[in-house]
Amino acid sequence: MPEHRPRRFRSRPREVAPGDTPPLDVRAVDDLRFIRQTMERSAAFTAVPGWGMVAAGATALPAAWLASRHAFDARWLEIWITEAVLAVSVAVVAIQRKATRSGLPWTSGPGRKVLSSFAPPLAAAALLTIPLFRGHLGSVLPGMWLLLYGVGVITGGAYSVSVVPVMGASFMALGAAALFVTLPGNWAMAAGFGGLHIGFGMWIARRYGG
């Protein structure tokens, strides 16, 4: 007769009932996750690159000199668009390097808040550029760019170190001067995107690390 071997039953993991207390390791993981998310939400974005800002500002000075040789024509616009792309590229690389050194990715909670607050004013400036330039109002563009860039720096700087909103207010003041005090547009751009970036960049580098 065939032998009857006893059946082996595999033990199933115990399901936690709604009223049961979860195991200690599960609670520890949940607590750590909650603490990390809370710290990310409350932390300031400290990966603002001081020396990267100085480098981006330095690129604006020759651009202002080149643009001053043109009277707000298509060539003038090309010079400043090229300068903007170059400055943004320098800033992105610098931010990435500083964030890697600090161990806080710039895609973390504070970094996302800075980007989501900084981007809309810049998008508005880019969109307004088209009808203003087509309407032969190129002389208005420097003041408008400085003004809206300052707005973006203030709103994004609310989640960063305290000196960043001060820099944004300085950009807004310079933009207002370019619009209403007949400050030459190219020199206002040199003073803002060049001088303010260099000055505040050196301050940030010394105070908060490069």
Protein backbone atom coordinates (compact mmCIF):
# COMPACT_ATOMS: atom_id res chain seq x y z
CA MET A 1 0.00 0.00 0.00
CA PRO A 2 1.26 3.48 -0.73
CA GLU A 3 2.59 5.35 2.20
CA HIS A 4 0.72 8.40 3.33
CA ARG A 5 3.20 11.15 3.90
CA PRO A 6 2.09 13.94 6.15
CA ARG A 7 1.30 17.15 4.31
CA ARG A 8 3.52 20.09 4.85
CA PHE A 9 1.80 23.38 5.17
CA ARG A 10 3.66 26.55 4.37
CA SER A 11 3.30 29.19 6.99
CA ARG A 12 1.80 32.40 5.69
CA PRO A 13 2.89 35.77 6.97
CA ARG A 14 0.60 36.98 9.66
CA GLU A 15 -1.68 39.73 8.42
CA VAL A 16 -2.07 42.71 10.65
CA ALA A 17 -5.68 43.23 11.59
CA PRO A 18 -7.04 46.75 11.68
CA GLY A 19 -6.91 46.84 15.46
CA ASP A 20 -3.51 45.18 15.85
CA THR A 21 -0.27 47.07 16.49
CA PRO A 22 2.19 46.82 13.55
CA PRO A 23 5.58 45.22 14.22
CA LEU A 24 8.33 47.39 15.66
CA ASP A 25 10.43 47.39 12.47
CA VAL A 26 7.48 48.55 10.36
CA ARG A 27 6.77 51.38 12.78
CA ALA A 28 10.43 52.39 12.79
CA VAL A 29 10.52 52.61 8.98
CA ASP A 30 7.32 54.66 8.93
CA ASP A 31 8.65 56.99 11.61
CA LEU A 32 11.93 57.52 9.74
CA ARG A 33 10.05 58.22 6.53
CA PHE A 34 7.82 60.74 8.29
CA ILE A 35 10.83 62.47 9.91
CA ARG A 36 12.66 62.67 6.58
CA GLN A 37 9.65 64.14 4.78
CA THR A 38 9.10 66.66 7.56
CA MET A 39 12.75 67.75 7.46
CA GLU A 40 12.67 68.11 3.67
CA ARG A 41 9.54 70.25 3.85
CA SER A 42 10.95 72.53 6.55
CA ALA A 43 14.58 72.74 5.38
CA ALA A 44 15.94 75.67 3.42
CA PHE A 45 17.51 75.14 0.01
CA THR A 46 21.18 75.77 0.76
CA ALA A 47 22.63 74.64 -2.58
CA VAL A 48 22.66 78.20 -3.93
CA PRO A 49 26.05 78.33 -5.68
CA GLY A 50 27.99 81.43 -4.71
CA TRP A 51 30.91 80.99 -7.09
CA GLY A 52 28.58 79.70 -9.78
CA MET A 53 26.61 82.92 -9.43
CA VAL A 54 29.84 84.90 -9.79
CA ALA A 55 30.68 82.97 -12.97
CA ALA A 56 27.20 83.57 -14.39
CA GLY A 57 27.48 87.27 -13.58
CA ALA A 58 30.84 87.51 -15.29
CA THR A 59 29.30 86.32 -18.56
CA ALA A 60 26.83 89.23 -18.52
CA LEU A 61 29.51 91.92 -18.65
CA PRO A 62 30.88 91.21 -22.17
CA ALA A 63 27.31 90.57 -23.33
CA ALA A 64 26.30 94.07 -22.18
CA TRP A 65 29.26 95.56 -24.03
CA LEU A 66 28.38 93.72 -27.24
CA ALA A 67 24.69 94.55 -26.96
CA SER A 68 25.39 98.26 -26.43
CA ARG A 69 26.60 98.40 -30.03
CA HIS A 70 23.09 97.58 -31.26
CA ALA A 71 19.88 99.56 -30.93
CA PHE A 72 17.46 96.95 -29.56
CA ASP A 73 17.35 95.13 -32.88
CA ALA A 74 17.28 91.41 -33.63
CA ARG A 75 21.03 91.13 -33.13
CA TRP A 76 20.70 92.76 -29.71
CA LEU A 77 18.04 90.25 -28.73
CA GLU A 78 20.16 87.34 -29.95
CA ILE A 79 23.07 88.47 -27.79
CA TRP A 80 20.99 88.54 -24.62
CA ILE A 81 19.20 85.27 -25.35
CA THR A 82 22.59 83.60 -25.89
CA GLU A 83 23.82 85.14 -22.64
CA ALA A 84 20.74 83.85 -20.78
CA VAL A 85 21.27 80.30 -22.04
CA LEU A 86 24.95 80.43 -21.07
CA ALA A 87 24.25 81.84 -17.60
CA VAL A 88 21.52 79.27 -16.90
CA SER A 89 23.82 76.44 -17.99
CA VAL A 90 26.57 77.66 -15.66
CA ALA A 91 24.09 78.01 -12.78
CA VAL A 92 22.61 74.52 -13.27
CA VAL A 93 26.03 72.86 -13.26
CA ALA A 94 27.07 74.84 -10.17
CA ILE A 95 23.86 74.00 -8.30
CA GLN A 96 24.22 70.32 -9.13
CA ARG A 97 27.82 70.24 -7.87
CA LYS A 98 27.04 72.04 -4.62
CA ALA A 99 23.95 69.90 -3.99
CA THR A 100 26.02 66.74 -4.51
CA ARG A 101 28.64 67.96 -2.04
CA SER A 102 26.03 68.83 0.57
CA GLY A 103 24.21 65.52 0.17
CA LEU A 104 20.87 67.22 -0.54
CA PRO A 105 19.73 66.74 -4.15
CA TRP A 106 18.32 69.87 -5.73
CA THR A 107 15.27 67.78 -6.68
CA SER A 108 14.46 67.39 -2.97
CA GLY A 109 11.51 69.11 -1.28
CA PRO A 110 13.15 72.55 -0.85
CA GLY A 111 14.69 72.40 -4.34
CA ARG A 112 11.32 71.69 -5.94
CA LYS A 113 9.73 74.56 -4.02
CA VAL A 114 12.42 76.98 -5.19
CA LEU A 115 12.03 75.88 -8.81
CA SER A 116 8.21 75.97 -8.77
CA SER A 117 8.28 79.51 -7.32
CA PHE A 118 11.12 80.80 -9.49
CA ALA A 119 9.92 79.51 -12.87
CA PRO A 120 6.55 81.32 -13.35
CA PRO A 121 7.94 84.90 -13.33
CA LEU A 122 10.67 83.83 -15.77
CA ALA A 123 8.08 82.22 -18.02
CA ALA A 124 6.05 85.44 -17.91
CA ALA A 125 9.15 87.45 -18.89
CA ALA A 126 9.82 85.14 -21.83
CA LEU A 127 6.24 85.40 -23.08
CA LEU A 128 6.08 89.18 -22.71
CA THR A 129 9.32 89.52 -24.67
CA ILE A 130 7.64 88.42 -27.90
CA PRO A 131 4.87 91.08 -28.20
CA LEU A 132 7.07 93.85 -26.78
CA PHE A 133 9.83 93.20 -29.29
CA ARG A 134 7.38 92.86 -32.15
CA GLY A 135 5.81 96.17 -31.08
CA HIS A 136 9.22 97.88 -31.36
CA LEU A 137 9.42 98.31 -27.58
CA GLY A 138 12.78 96.65 -27.16
CA SER A 139 13.94 99.45 -24.86
CA VAL A 140 11.39 98.25 -22.30
CA LEU A 141 12.80 94.72 -22.19
CA PRO A 142 15.81 95.28 -19.87
CA GLY A 143 13.65 96.81 -17.14
CA MET A 144 10.97 94.15 -17.55
CA TRP A 145 13.53 91.31 -17.45
CA LEU A 146 15.23 92.68 -14.34
CA LEU A 147 11.90 93.31 -12.62
CA LEU A 148 10.43 89.85 -13.23
CA TYR A 149 13.73 88.12 -12.53
CA GLY A 150 13.76 89.90 -9.19
CA VAL A 151 10.23 88.69 -8.49
CA GLY A 152 11.33 85.11 -9.22
CA VAL A 153 14.36 85.42 -6.97
CA ILE A 154 12.20 86.74 -4.11
CA THR A 155 9.53 84.04 -4.43
CA GLY A 156 12.06 81.24 -4.88
CA GLY A 157 14.33 82.71 -2.22
CA ALA A 158 11.58 82.33 0.37
CA TYR A 159 12.70 78.68 0.58
CA SER A 160 16.43 79.44 0.49
CA VAL A 161 18.98 81.35 2.55
CA SER A 162 17.91 84.77 3.81
CA VAL A 163 20.17 86.84 1.54
CA VAL A 164 18.50 85.56 -1.66
CA PRO A 165 15.26 87.58 -1.30
CA VAL A 166 17.40 90.67 -0.63
CA MET A 167 19.11 90.06 -3.97
CA GLY A 168 15.69 89.75 -5.60
CA ALA A 169 14.59 93.10 -4.17
CA SER A 170 17.78 94.66 -5.55
CA PHE A 171 16.96 93.32 -9.01
CA MET A 172 13.44 94.73 -8.77
CA ALA A 173 14.76 98.16 -7.77
CA LEU A 174 17.20 98.15 -10.68
CA GLY A 175 14.45 97.08 -13.08
CA ALA A 176 12.20 99.88 -11.88
CA ALA A 177 15.05 102.35 -12.40
CA ALA A 178 15.54 101.07 -15.95
CA LEU A 179 11.83 101.52 -16.66
CA PHE A 180 11.12 104.87 -15.02
CA VAL A 181 14.43 106.68 -14.40
CA THR A 182 15.77 106.31 -17.96
CA LEU A 183 18.73 104.22 -16.81
CA PRO A 184 20.32 102.86 -20.04
CA GLY A 185 19.03 99.35 -20.56
CA ASN A 186 22.30 97.61 -21.38
CA TRP A 187 24.12 99.14 -18.42
CA ALA A 188 21.20 98.26 -16.16
CA MET A 189 21.55 94.68 -17.38
CA ALA A 190 25.30 94.79 -16.73
CA ALA A 191 24.72 96.16 -13.24
CA GLY A 192 22.00 93.57 -12.49
CA PHE A 193 22.82 90.30 -14.19
CA GLY A 194 26.51 91.12 -13.92
CA GLY A 195 27.18 93.24 -10.83
CA LEU A 196 24.46 91.97 -8.50
CA HIS A 197 25.19 88.34 -9.33
CA ILE A 198 28.90 88.84 -8.71
CA GLY A 199 28.43 90.81 -5.47
CA PHE A 200 25.81 88.57 -3.90
CA GLY A 201 27.56 85.47 -5.24
CA MET A 202 30.75 86.38 -3.40
CA TRP A 203 28.76 87.02 -0.23
CA ILE A 204 26.98 83.66 -0.48
CA ALA A 205 30.24 81.84 -1.24
CA ARG A 206 31.91 83.26 1.86
CA ARG A 207 28.92 82.92 4.16
CA TYR A 208 27.37 79.64 3.04
CA GLY A 209 30.17 77.91 1.13
CA GLY A 210 30.95 77.97 -2.59
